[in-house]
Amino acid sequence: MKKKLTISFFVMITLAACNTKEASIYWTDRTDNQIQRLDDANVKYEIREGEIWVREN
């Protein structure tokens, strides 16, 4: 029984670790001012087709 619990625990930890992709949400259109604000605040972001997307966290 203890062995099954241990295996289940490690499977759950492994599956949780594999889900590292963070969701992004649309923030605003790209401008130099907005990019500077995000850089100053150390916020991670992506630029997609002229739009700024920030991580949900």
C-alpha atoms as a PDB file:
ATOM      1  CA  MET A   1       0.000   0.000   0.000  1.00  0.00           C
ATOM      2  CA  LYS A   2       2.803   2.392   0.906  1.00  0.00           C
ATOM      3  CA  LYS A   3       4.518   1.686  -2.401  1.00  0.00           C
ATOM      4  CA  LYS A   4       1.366   2.594  -4.358  1.00  0.00           C
ATOM      5  CA  LEU A   5       1.046   5.860  -2.437  1.00  0.00           C
ATOM      6  CA  THR A   6       4.676   6.727  -3.120  1.00  0.00           C
ATOM      7  CA  ILE A   7       4.335   5.986  -6.839  1.00  0.00           C
ATOM      8  CA  SER A   8       1.106   8.013  -7.021  1.00  0.00           C
ATOM      9  CA  PHE A   9       2.801  10.930  -5.276  1.00  0.00           C
ATOM     10  CA  PHE A  10       5.715  10.953  -7.713  1.00  0.00           C
ATOM     11  CA  VAL A  11       3.396  10.694 -10.711  1.00  0.00           C
ATOM     12  CA  MET A  12       1.408  13.711  -9.462  1.00  0.00           C
ATOM     13  CA  ILE A  13       4.582  15.745  -8.873  1.00  0.00           C
ATOM     14  CA  THR A  14       5.904  14.847 -12.328  1.00  0.00           C
ATOM     15  CA  LEU A  15       2.662  15.814 -14.040  1.00  0.00           C
ATOM     16  CA  ALA A  16       2.500  19.106 -12.162  1.00  0.00           C
ATOM     17  CA  ALA A  17       6.093  19.933 -13.106  1.00  0.00           C
ATOM     18  CA  CYS A  18       5.368  19.311 -16.784  1.00  0.00           C
ATOM     19  CA  ASN A  19       2.743  22.048 -16.838  1.00  0.00           C
ATOM     20  CA  THR A  20       5.172  24.986 -17.040  1.00  0.00           C
ATOM     21  CA  LYS A  21       3.452  26.941 -19.819  1.00  0.00           C
ATOM     22  CA  GLU A  22       2.009  30.091 -18.316  1.00  0.00           C
ATOM     23  CA  ALA A  23      -1.048  31.735 -19.762  1.00  0.00           C
ATOM     24  CA  SER A  24      -0.715  35.222 -21.203  1.00  0.00           C
ATOM     25  CA  ILE A  25      -3.347  37.923 -21.366  1.00  0.00           C
ATOM     26  CA  TYR A  26      -3.638  40.883 -23.717  1.00  0.00           C
ATOM     27  CA  TRP A  27      -2.517  44.110 -22.085  1.00  0.00           C
ATOM     28  CA  THR A  28      -2.347  46.886 -24.702  1.00  0.00           C
ATOM     29  CA  ASP A  29      -1.034  47.854 -28.119  1.00  0.00           C
ATOM     30  CA  ARG A  30       2.732  48.182 -28.405  1.00  0.00           C
ATOM     31  CA  THR A  31       4.192  51.610 -27.696  1.00  0.00           C
ATOM     32  CA  ASP A  32       7.670  52.565 -26.528  1.00  0.00           C
ATOM     33  CA  ASN A  33       6.166  54.048 -23.344  1.00  0.00           C
ATOM     34  CA  GLN A  34       4.409  50.795 -22.447  1.00  0.00           C
ATOM     35  CA  ILE A  35       7.542  48.749 -23.127  1.00  0.00           C
ATOM     36  CA  GLN A  36       9.562  51.062 -20.880  1.00  0.00           C
ATOM     37  CA  ARG A  37       7.000  50.733 -18.067  1.00  0.00           C
ATOM     38  CA  LEU A  38       7.090  46.940 -18.266  1.00  0.00           C
ATOM     39  CA  ASP A  39      10.902  46.862 -18.368  1.00  0.00           C
ATOM     40  CA  ASP A  40      11.132  49.217 -15.366  1.00  0.00           C
ATOM     41  CA  ALA A  41       8.746  46.979 -13.399  1.00  0.00           C
ATOM     42  CA  ASN A  42      10.580  43.774 -14.466  1.00  0.00           C
ATOM     43  CA  VAL A  43       7.362  42.349 -15.934  1.00  0.00           C
ATOM     44  CA  LYS A  44       7.829  39.540 -18.443  1.00  0.00           C
ATOM     45  CA  TYR A  45       5.928  40.122 -21.668  1.00  0.00           C
ATOM     46  CA  GLU A  46       5.633  39.059 -25.295  1.00  0.00           C
ATOM     47  CA  ILE A  47       4.902  41.159 -28.357  1.00  0.00           C
ATOM     48  CA  ARG A  48       2.544  39.464 -30.807  1.00  0.00           C
ATOM     49  CA  GLU A  49       1.532  41.273 -33.976  1.00  0.00           C
ATOM     50  CA  GLY A  50       1.924  44.724 -32.433  1.00  0.00           C
ATOM     51  CA  GLU A  51       0.177  43.809 -29.166  1.00  0.00           C
ATOM     52  CA  ILE A  52       1.691  43.371 -25.725  1.00  0.00           C
ATOM     53  CA  TRP A  53       0.808  40.192 -23.869  1.00  0.00           C
ATOM     54  CA  VAL A  54       1.821  39.759 -20.212  1.00  0.00           C
ATOM     55  CA  ARG A  55       1.952  36.611 -18.152  1.00  0.00           C
ATOM     56  CA  GLU A  56      -1.174  36.025 -16.142  1.00  0.00           C
ATOM     57  CA  ASN A  57       0.697  35.769 -12.846  1.00  0.00           C
END
